[in-house]
Amino acid sequence: MDQTNYRYNNNISDINFRYVFQTKKDHGVIQKSVKMDYYKMIDLLELKNTNDDLGVSYNKCTTRQLQKIQMTLLRDKDLNIIKCNVYVNNQIIL
């Protein structure tokens, strides 16, 4: 199976996560937006040079791994993330 199909023949460097989180400021709650490329995200989550549960390196950036990271960010209540999407060349894919 060709592992480049999931990227629509783009480079991994074209993939980024964009998420919105809530934080308290003064006496209210504000929302902040963050854009982070794939390699920086896996480094931050300490997944760089590790394998997923199927034994595939996170450096391969499969669709399944993108979905898993997205769901991890959304499910972690401590992060207060209310929205998370994955983009390739400014087009939303997840």
PDB file of N, CA and C in Angstrom:
ATOM      1  N   MET A   1       0.842  -1.185   0.000  1.00  0.00           N
ATOM      2  CA  MET A   1       0.000   0.000   0.000  1.00  0.00           C
ATOM      3  C   MET A   1       0.884   1.245   0.000  1.00  0.00           C
ATOM      4  N   ASP A   2       0.564   2.185  -0.841  1.00  0.00           N
ATOM      5  CA  ASP A   2       1.313   3.436  -0.929  1.00  0.00           C
ATOM      6  C   ASP A   2       0.943   4.339   0.240  1.00  0.00           C
ATOM      7  N   GLN A   3       1.911   4.676   1.085  1.00  0.00           N
ATOM      8  CA  GLN A   3       1.635   5.453   2.293  1.00  0.00           C
ATOM      9  C   GLN A   3       1.546   6.951   2.027  1.00  0.00           C
ATOM     10  N   THR A   4       1.680   7.405   0.798  1.00  0.00           N
ATOM     11  CA  THR A   4       1.569   8.837   0.523  1.00  0.00           C
ATOM     12  C   THR A   4       0.151   9.236   0.150  1.00  0.00           C
ATOM     13  N   ASN A   5      -0.749   8.296  -0.107  1.00  0.00           N
ATOM     14  CA  ASN A   5      -2.107   8.634  -0.527  1.00  0.00           C
ATOM     15  C   ASN A   5      -2.855   9.475   0.487  1.00  0.00           C
ATOM     16  N   TYR A   6      -2.678   9.193   1.770  1.00  0.00           N
ATOM     17  CA  TYR A   6      -3.412   9.926   2.796  1.00  0.00           C
ATOM     18  C   TYR A   6      -3.043  11.391   2.810  1.00  0.00           C
ATOM     19  N   ARG A   7      -1.888  11.729   2.293  1.00  0.00           N
ATOM     20  CA  ARG A   7      -1.443  13.126   2.288  1.00  0.00           C
ATOM     21  C   ARG A   7      -1.809  13.832   0.993  1.00  0.00           C
ATOM     22  N   TYR A   8      -2.515  13.162   0.132  1.00  0.00           N
ATOM     23  CA  TYR A   8      -2.870  13.750  -1.160  1.00  0.00           C
ATOM     24  C   TYR A   8      -1.628  14.230  -1.893  1.00  0.00           C
ATOM     25  N   ASN A   9      -0.554  13.438  -1.764  1.00  0.00           N
ATOM     26  CA  ASN A   9       0.723  13.709  -2.412  1.00  0.00           C
ATOM     27  C   ASN A   9       1.360  15.029  -1.976  1.00  0.00           C
ATOM     28  N   ASN A  10       1.092  15.457  -0.754  1.00  0.00           N
ATOM     29  CA  ASN A  10       1.744  16.623  -0.157  1.00  0.00           C
ATOM     30  C   ASN A  10       2.817  16.140   0.802  1.00  0.00           C
ATOM     31  N   ASN A  11       3.625  17.045   1.281  1.00  0.00           N
ATOM     32  CA  ASN A  11       4.653  16.718   2.257  1.00  0.00           C
ATOM     33  C   ASN A  11       4.069  16.772   3.665  1.00  0.00           C
ATOM     34  N   ILE A  12       4.698  16.048   4.570  1.00  0.00           N
ATOM     35  CA  ILE A  12       4.260  16.088   5.967  1.00  0.00           C
ATOM     36  C   ILE A  12       4.365  17.511   6.503  1.00  0.00           C
ATOM     37  N   SER A  13       5.312  18.273   6.027  1.00  0.00           N
ATOM     38  CA  SER A  13       5.467  19.655   6.494  1.00  0.00           C
ATOM     39  C   SER A  13       4.279  20.536   6.105  1.00  0.00           C
ATOM     40  N   ASP A  14       3.408  20.055   5.192  1.00  0.00           N
ATOM     41  CA  ASP A  14       2.204  20.789   4.805  1.00  0.00           C
ATOM     42  C   ASP A  14       1.038  20.548   5.764  1.00  0.00           C
ATOM     43  N   ILE A  15       1.223  19.631   6.715  1.00  0.00           N
ATOM     44  CA  ILE A  15       0.157  19.251   7.638  1.00  0.00           C
ATOM     45  C   ILE A  15       0.309  20.033   8.936  1.00  0.00           C
ATOM     46  N   ASN A  16      -0.811  20.586   9.418  1.00  0.00           N
ATOM     47  CA  ASN A  16      -0.777  21.280  10.694  1.00  0.00           C
ATOM     48  C   ASN A  16      -2.089  21.104  11.452  1.00  0.00           C
ATOM     49  N   PHE A  17      -1.999  21.270  12.753  1.00  0.00           N
ATOM     50  CA  PHE A  17      -3.154  21.232  13.635  1.00  0.00           C
ATOM     51  C   PHE A  17      -3.522  22.662  13.983  1.00  0.00           C
ATOM     52  N   ARG A  18      -4.815  22.927  14.017  1.00  0.00           N
ATOM     53  CA  ARG A  18      -5.297  24.229  14.474  1.00  0.00           C
ATOM     54  C   ARG A  18      -6.355  23.954  15.522  1.00  0.00           C
ATOM     55  N   TYR A  19      -6.135  24.501  16.698  1.00  0.00           N
ATOM     56  CA  TYR A  19      -7.091  24.259  17.762  1.00  0.00           C
ATOM     57  C   TYR A  19      -7.404  25.543  18.513  1.00  0.00           C
ATOM     58  N   VAL A  20      -8.551  25.538  19.170  1.00  0.00           N
ATOM     59  CA  VAL A  20      -9.024  26.669  19.949  1.00  0.00           C
ATOM     60  C   VAL A  20      -9.190  26.185  21.384  1.00  0.00           C
ATOM     61  N   PHE A  21      -8.633  26.932  22.321  1.00  0.00           N
ATOM     62  CA  PHE A  21      -8.796  26.583  23.727  1.00  0.00           C
ATOM     63  C   PHE A  21      -9.302  27.782  24.503  1.00  0.00           C
ATOM     64  N   GLN A  22      -9.899  27.485  25.654  1.00  0.00           N
ATOM     65  CA  GLN A  22     -10.422  28.535  26.524  1.00  0.00           C
ATOM     66  C   GLN A  22      -9.480  28.742  27.691  1.00  0.00           C
ATOM     67  N   THR A  23      -9.340  29.991  28.074  1.00  0.00           N
ATOM     68  CA  THR A  23      -8.517  30.325  29.230  1.00  0.00           C
ATOM     69  C   THR A  23      -9.176  31.487  29.973  1.00  0.00           C
ATOM     70  N   LYS A  24      -8.897  31.579  31.247  1.00  0.00           N
ATOM     71  CA  LYS A  24      -9.469  32.658  32.045  1.00  0.00           C
ATOM     72  C   LYS A  24      -8.581  33.893  31.953  1.00  0.00           C
ATOM     73  N   LYS A  25      -9.235  35.031  31.841  1.00  0.00           N
ATOM     74  CA  LYS A  25      -8.518  36.308  31.833  1.00  0.00           C
ATOM     75  C   LYS A  25      -9.385  37.324  32.555  1.00  0.00           C
ATOM     76  N   ASP A  26      -8.769  38.019  33.477  1.00  0.00           N
ATOM     77  CA  ASP A  26      -9.486  38.980  34.321  1.00  0.00           C
ATOM     78  C   ASP A  26     -10.667  38.265  34.982  1.00  0.00           C
ATOM     79  N   HIS A  27     -11.865  38.660  34.646  1.00  0.00           N
ATOM     80  CA  HIS A  27     -13.047  38.038  35.259  1.00  0.00           C
ATOM     81  C   HIS A  27     -13.882  37.289  34.225  1.00  0.00           C
ATOM     82  N   GLY A  28     -13.291  36.907  33.131  1.00  0.00           N
ATOM     83  CA  GLY A  28     -14.033  36.204  32.098  1.00  0.00           C
ATOM     84  C   GLY A  28     -13.223  35.088  31.464  1.00  0.00           C
ATOM     85  N   VAL A  29     -13.795  34.508  30.449  1.00  0.00           N
ATOM     86  CA  VAL A  29     -13.142  33.426  29.710  1.00  0.00           C
ATOM     87  C   VAL A  29     -12.935  33.900  28.282  1.00  0.00           C
ATOM     88  N   ILE A  30     -11.727  33.703  27.768  1.00  0.00           N
ATOM     89  CA  ILE A  30     -11.447  34.056  26.380  1.00  0.00           C
ATOM     90  C   ILE A  30     -11.024  32.797  25.631  1.00  0.00           C
ATOM     91  N   GLN A  31     -11.124  32.867  24.322  1.00  0.00           N
ATOM     92  CA  GLN A  31     -10.707  31.763  23.472  1.00  0.00           C
ATOM     93  C   GLN A  31      -9.475  32.182  22.681  1.00  0.00           C
ATOM     94  N   LYS A  32      -8.516  31.278  22.605  1.00  0.00           N
ATOM     95  CA  LYS A  32      -7.300  31.542  21.845  1.00  0.00           C
ATOM     96  C   LYS A  32      -7.133  30.458  20.792  1.00  0.00           C
ATOM     97  N   SER A  33      -6.625  30.844  19.638  1.00  0.00           N
ATOM     98  CA  SER A  33      -6.404  29.922  18.527  1.00  0.00           C
ATOM     99  C   SER A  33      -4.913  29.660  18.367  1.00  0.00           C
ATOM    100  N   VAL A  34      -4.560  28.407  18.107  1.00  0.00           N
ATOM    101  CA  VAL A  34      -3.166  28.016  17.946  1.00  0.00           C
ATOM    102  C   VAL A  34      -3.028  27.187  16.667  1.00  0.00           C
ATOM    103  N   LYS A  35      -1.952  27.436  15.928  1.00  0.00           N
ATOM    104  CA  LYS A  35      -1.624  26.654  14.739  1.00  0.00           C
ATOM    105  C   LYS A  35      -0.262  26.018  14.986  1.00  0.00           C
ATOM    106  N   MET A  36      -0.177  24.690  14.793  1.00  0.00           N
ATOM    107  CA  MET A  36       1.066  23.986  15.069  1.00  0.00           C
ATOM    108  C   MET A  36       1.301  22.931  13.992  1.00  0.00           C
ATOM    109  N   ASP A  37       2.513  22.905  13.443  1.00  0.00           N
ATOM    110  CA  ASP A  37       2.795  21.905  12.411  1.00  0.00           C
ATOM    111  C   ASP A  37       2.923  20.518  13.025  1.00  0.00           C
ATOM    112  N   TYR A  38       2.810  19.496  12.183  1.00  0.00           N
ATOM    113  CA  TYR A  38       2.771  18.112  12.643  1.00  0.00           C
ATOM    114  C   TYR A  38       4.006  17.725  13.437  1.00  0.00           C
ATOM    115  N   TYR A  39       5.191  18.031  12.936  1.00  0.00           N
ATOM    116  CA  TYR A  39       6.412  17.634  13.630  1.00  0.00           C
ATOM    117  C   TYR A  39       6.541  18.291  14.996  1.00  0.00           C
ATOM    118  N   LYS A  40       6.137  19.541  15.094  1.00  0.00           N
ATOM    119  CA  LYS A  40       6.195  20.220  16.391  1.00  0.00           C
ATOM    120  C   LYS A  40       5.191  19.593  17.357  1.00  0.00           C
ATOM    121  N   MET A  41       4.021  19.204  16.842  1.00  0.00           N
ATOM    122  CA  MET A  41       2.997  18.587  17.686  1.00  0.00           C
ATOM    123  C   MET A  41       3.474  17.248  18.237  1.00  0.00           C
ATOM    124  N   ILE A  42       4.054  16.389  17.384  1.00  0.00           N
ATOM    125  CA  ILE A  42       4.493  15.087  17.902  1.00  0.00           C
ATOM    126  C   ILE A  42       5.687  15.244  18.844  1.00  0.00           C
ATOM    127  N   ASP A  43       6.468  16.286  18.630  1.00  0.00           N
ATOM    128  CA  ASP A  43       7.569  16.555  19.559  1.00  0.00           C
ATOM    129  C   ASP A  43       7.016  17.011  20.909  1.00  0.00           C
ATOM    130  N   LEU A  44       6.048  17.902  20.884  1.00  0.00           N
ATOM    131  CA  LEU A  44       5.424  18.395  22.106  1.00  0.00           C
ATOM    132  C   LEU A  44       4.740  17.272  22.888  1.00  0.00           C
ATOM    133  N   LEU A  45       4.093  16.356  22.170  1.00  0.00           N
ATOM    134  CA  LEU A  45       3.405  15.235  22.813  1.00  0.00           C
ATOM    135  C   LEU A  45       4.345  14.068  23.120  1.00  0.00           C
ATOM    136  N   GLU A  46       5.628  14.276  22.848  1.00  0.00           N
ATOM    137  CA  GLU A  46       6.670  13.262  23.082  1.00  0.00           C
ATOM    138  C   GLU A  46       6.391  11.968  22.316  1.00  0.00           C
ATOM    139  N   LEU A  47       5.920  12.109  21.082  1.00  0.00           N
ATOM    140  CA  LEU A  47       5.650  10.965  20.214  1.00  0.00           C
ATOM    141  C   LEU A  47       6.707  10.809  19.134  1.00  0.00           C
ATOM    142  N   LYS A  48       7.590  11.791  19.018  1.00  0.00           N
ATOM    143  CA  LYS A  48       8.633  11.756  18.006  1.00  0.00           C
ATOM    144  C   LYS A  48       9.520  10.530  18.240  1.00  0.00           C
ATOM    145  N   ASN A  49       9.823   9.827  17.175  1.00  0.00           N
ATOM    146  CA  ASN A  49      10.649   8.610  17.220  1.00  0.00           C
ATOM    147  C   ASN A  49      10.019   7.487  18.034  1.00  0.00           C
ATOM    148  N   THR A  50       8.690   7.498  18.148  1.00  0.00           N
ATOM    149  CA  THR A  50       7.969   6.395  18.785  1.00  0.00           C
ATOM    150  C   THR A  50       7.001   5.795  17.775  1.00  0.00           C
ATOM    151  N   ASN A  51       6.425   4.657  18.124  1.00  0.00           N
ATOM    152  CA  ASN A  51       5.470   3.982  17.252  1.00  0.00           C
ATOM    153  C   ASN A  51       4.084   3.993  17.885  1.00  0.00           C
ATOM    154  N   ASP A  52       3.062   3.933  17.031  1.00  0.00           N
ATOM    155  CA  ASP A  52       1.696   3.831  17.543  1.00  0.00           C
ATOM    156  C   ASP A  52       1.409   2.384  17.940  1.00  0.00           C
ATOM    157  N   ASP A  53       0.172   2.104  18.309  1.00  0.00           N
ATOM    158  CA  ASP A  53      -0.184   0.762  18.773  1.00  0.00           C
ATOM    159  C   ASP A  53      -0.131  -0.296  17.675  1.00  0.00           C
ATOM    160  N   LEU A  54      -0.034   0.116  16.420  1.00  0.00           N
ATOM    161  CA  LEU A  54       0.128  -0.833  15.317  1.00  0.00           C
ATOM    162  C   LEU A  54       1.585  -0.993  14.907  1.00  0.00           C
ATOM    163  N   GLY A  55       2.480  -0.298  15.595  1.00  0.00           N
ATOM    164  CA  GLY A  55       3.896  -0.396  15.301  1.00  0.00           C
ATOM    165  C   GLY A  55       4.385   0.534  14.205  1.00  0.00           C
ATOM    166  N   VAL A  56       3.550   1.490  13.792  1.00  0.00           N
ATOM    167  CA  VAL A  56       3.913   2.445  12.734  1.00  0.00           C
ATOM    168  C   VAL A  56       4.509   3.685  13.392  1.00  0.00           C
ATOM    169  N   SER A  57       5.639   4.126  12.895  1.00  0.00           N
ATOM    170  CA  SER A  57       6.313   5.299  13.440  1.00  0.00           C
ATOM    171  C   SER A  57       5.453   6.549  13.257  1.00  0.00           C
ATOM    172  N   TYR A  58       5.408   7.383  14.287  1.00  0.00           N
ATOM    173  CA  TYR A  58       4.682   8.655  14.178  1.00  0.00           C
ATOM    174  C   TYR A  58       5.340   9.588  13.161  1.00  0.00           C
ATOM    175  N   ASN A  59       6.561   9.321  12.790  1.00  0.00           N
ATOM    176  CA  ASN A  59       7.223  10.105  11.744  1.00  0.00           C
ATOM    177  C   ASN A  59       6.601   9.857  10.370  1.00  0.00           C
ATOM    178  N   LYS A  60       5.810   8.795  10.218  1.00  0.00           N
ATOM    179  CA  LYS A  60       5.127   8.486   8.949  1.00  0.00           C
ATOM    180  C   LYS A  60       3.879   9.340   8.743  1.00  0.00           C
ATOM    181  N   CYS A  61       3.261   9.782   9.848  1.00  0.00           N
ATOM    182  CA  CYS A  61       2.096  10.675   9.790  1.00  0.00           C
ATOM    183  C   CYS A  61       0.934  10.059   9.014  1.00  0.00           C
ATOM    184  N   THR A  62       0.401   8.947   9.492  1.00  0.00           N
ATOM    185  CA  THR A  62      -0.737   8.316   8.821  1.00  0.00           C
ATOM    186  C   THR A  62      -2.041   9.000   9.235  1.00  0.00           C
ATOM    187  N   THR A  63      -3.078   8.794   8.466  1.00  0.00           N
ATOM    188  CA  THR A  63      -4.380   9.371   8.784  1.00  0.00           C
ATOM    189  C   THR A  63      -4.850   8.905  10.152  1.00  0.00           C
ATOM    190  N   ARG A  64      -4.636   7.660  10.451  1.00  0.00           N
ATOM    191  CA  ARG A  64      -5.036   7.102  11.733  1.00  0.00           C
ATOM    192  C   ARG A  64      -4.317   7.829  12.877  1.00  0.00           C
ATOM    193  N   GLN A  65      -3.047   8.125  12.691  1.00  0.00           N
ATOM    194  CA  GLN A  65      -2.291   8.846  13.711  1.00  0.00           C
ATOM    195  C   GLN A  65      -2.799  10.275  13.862  1.00  0.00           C
ATOM    196  N   LEU A  66      -3.131  10.917  12.755  1.00  0.00           N
ATOM    197  CA  LEU A  66      -3.692  12.267  12.825  1.00  0.00           C
ATOM    198  C   LEU A  66      -4.990  12.269  13.626  1.00  0.00           C
ATOM    199  N   GLN A  67      -5.847  11.280  13.352  1.00  0.00           N
ATOM    200  CA  GLN A  67      -7.112  11.177  14.082  1.00  0.00           C
ATOM    201  C   GLN A  67      -6.869  10.913  15.566  1.00  0.00           C
ATOM    202  N   LYS A  68      -5.916  10.051  15.871  1.00  0.00           N
ATOM    203  CA  LYS A  68      -5.622   9.719  17.261  1.00  0.00           C
ATOM    204  C   LYS A  68      -5.119  10.952  18.034  1.00  0.00           C
ATOM    205  N   ILE A  69      -4.236  11.714  17.421  1.00  0.00           N
ATOM    206  CA  ILE A  69      -3.729  12.933  18.064  1.00  0.00           C
ATOM    207  C   ILE A  69      -4.856  13.941  18.247  1.00  0.00           C
ATOM    208  N   GLN A  70      -5.681  14.105  17.211  1.00  0.00           N
ATOM    209  CA  GLN A  70      -6.807  15.035  17.297  1.00  0.00           C
ATOM    210  C   GLN A  70      -7.737  14.651  18.449  1.00  0.00           C
ATOM    211  N   MET A  71      -8.081  13.381  18.565  1.00  0.00           N
ATOM    212  CA  MET A  71      -8.986  12.938  19.627  1.00  0.00           C
ATOM    213  C   MET A  71      -8.326  13.060  21.005  1.00  0.00           C
ATOM    214  N   THR A  72      -7.032  12.819  21.087  1.00  0.00           N
ATOM    215  CA  THR A  72      -6.317  12.980  22.357  1.00  0.00           C
ATOM    216  C   THR A  72      -6.394  14.426  22.833  1.00  0.00           C
ATOM    217  N   LEU A  73      -6.193  15.360  21.924  1.00  0.00           N
ATOM    218  CA  LEU A  73      -6.261  16.778  22.283  1.00  0.00           C
ATOM    219  C   LEU A  73      -7.664  17.173  22.725  1.00  0.00           C
ATOM    220  N   LEU A  74      -8.669  16.683  22.028  1.00  0.00           N
ATOM    221  CA  LEU A  74     -10.047  17.046  22.355  1.00  0.00           C
ATOM    222  C   LEU A  74     -10.529  16.407  23.654  1.00  0.00           C
ATOM    223  N   ARG A  75     -10.044  15.222  23.975  1.00  0.00           N
ATOM    224  CA  ARG A  75     -10.514  14.504  25.165  1.00  0.00           C
ATOM    225  C   ARG A  75      -9.808  14.925  26.455  1.00  0.00           C
ATOM    226  N   ASP A  76      -8.646  15.538  26.357  1.00  0.00           N
ATOM    227  CA  ASP A  76      -7.911  15.937  27.561  1.00  0.00           C
ATOM    228  C   ASP A  76      -8.542  17.208  28.127  1.00  0.00           C
ATOM    229  N   LYS A  77      -9.299  17.045  29.194  1.00  0.00           N
ATOM    230  CA  LYS A  77     -10.048  18.164  29.797  1.00  0.00           C
ATOM    231  C   LYS A  77      -9.127  19.249  30.355  1.00  0.00           C
ATOM    232  N   ASP A  78      -7.913  18.886  30.760  1.00  0.00           N
ATOM    233  CA  ASP A  78      -6.983  19.876  31.309  1.00  0.00           C
ATOM    234  C   ASP A  78      -6.537  20.902  30.271  1.00  0.00           C
ATOM    235  N   LEU A  79      -6.589  20.532  28.995  1.00  0.00           N
ATOM    236  CA  LEU A  79      -6.162  21.445  27.933  1.00  0.00           C
ATOM    237  C   LEU A  79      -7.221  22.481  27.578  1.00  0.00           C
ATOM    238  N   ASN A  80      -8.467  22.217  27.919  1.00  0.00           N
ATOM    239  CA  ASN A  80      -9.591  23.123  27.612  1.00  0.00           C
ATOM    240  C   ASN A  80      -9.734  23.403  26.121  1.00  0.00           C
ATOM    241  N   ILE A  81      -9.390  22.426  25.287  1.00  0.00           N
ATOM    242  CA  ILE A  81      -9.527  22.591  23.835  1.00  0.00           C
ATOM    243  C   ILE A  81     -10.977  22.342  23.449  1.00  0.00           C
ATOM    244  N   ILE A  82     -11.570  23.304  22.744  1.00  0.00           N
ATOM    245  CA  ILE A  82     -12.976  23.183  22.364  1.00  0.00           C
ATOM    246  C   ILE A  82     -13.146  22.847  20.882  1.00  0.00           C
ATOM    247  N   LYS A  83     -12.075  23.006  20.110  1.00  0.00           N
ATOM    248  CA  LYS A  83     -12.146  22.704  18.680  1.00  0.00           C
ATOM    249  C   LYS A  83     -10.745  22.366  18.198  1.00  0.00           C
ATOM    250  N   CYS A  84     -10.624  21.323  17.376  1.00  0.00           N
ATOM    251  CA  CYS A  84      -9.330  20.934  16.832  1.00  0.00           C
ATOM    252  C   CYS A  84      -9.532  20.375  15.432  1.00  0.00           C
ATOM    253  N   ASN A  85      -8.810  20.928  14.476  1.00  0.00           N
ATOM    254  CA  ASN A  85      -8.883  20.457  13.098  1.00  0.00           C
ATOM    255  C   ASN A  85      -7.488  20.219  12.556  1.00  0.00           C
ATOM    256  N   VAL A  86      -7.419  19.362  11.542  1.00  0.00           N
ATOM    257  CA  VAL A  86      -6.156  19.073  10.867  1.00  0.00           C
ATOM    258  C   VAL A  86      -6.270  19.614   9.448  1.00  0.00           C
ATOM    259  N   TYR A  87      -5.227  20.315   9.021  1.00  0.00           N
ATOM    260  CA  TYR A  87      -5.207  20.946   7.696  1.00  0.00           C
ATOM    261  C   TYR A  87      -4.030  20.443   6.878  1.00  0.00           C
ATOM    262  N   VAL A  88      -4.237  20.379   5.567  1.00  0.00           N
ATOM    263  CA  VAL A  88      -3.158  20.167   4.608  1.00  0.00           C
ATOM    264  C   VAL A  88      -3.252  21.315   3.619  1.00  0.00           C
ATOM    265  N   ASN A  89      -2.181  22.107   3.535  1.00  0.00           N
ATOM    266  CA  ASN A  89      -2.180  23.274   2.643  1.00  0.00           C
ATOM    267  C   ASN A  89      -3.427  24.123   2.794  1.00  0.00           C
ATOM    268  N   ASN A  90      -3.765  24.466   4.031  1.00  0.00           N
ATOM    269  CA  ASN A  90      -4.907  25.329   4.364  1.00  0.00           C
ATOM    270  C   ASN A  90      -6.263  24.747   4.002  1.00  0.00           C
ATOM    271  N   GLN A  91      -6.327  23.445   3.725  1.00  0.00           N
ATOM    272  CA  GLN A  91      -7.603  22.778   3.495  1.00  0.00           C
ATOM    273  C   GLN A  91      -7.836  21.794   4.627  1.00  0.00           C
ATOM    274  N   ILE A  92      -9.007  21.888   5.228  1.00  0.00           N
ATOM    275  CA  ILE A  92      -9.308  21.028   6.360  1.00  0.00           C
ATOM    276  C   ILE A  92      -9.507  19.592   5.880  1.00  0.00           C
ATOM    277  N   ILE A  93      -8.867  18.648   6.589  1.00  0.00           N
ATOM    278  CA  ILE A  93      -9.044  17.233   6.236  1.00  0.00           C
ATOM    279  C   ILE A  93      -9.681  16.445   7.387  1.00  0.00           C
ATOM    280  N   LEU A  94      -9.542  16.922   8.608  1.00  0.00           N
ATOM    281  CA  LEU A  94     -10.168  16.272   9.775  1.00  0.00           C
ATOM    282  C   LEU A  94     -10.743  17.331  10.693  1.00  0.00           C
TER     283      LEU A  94
END
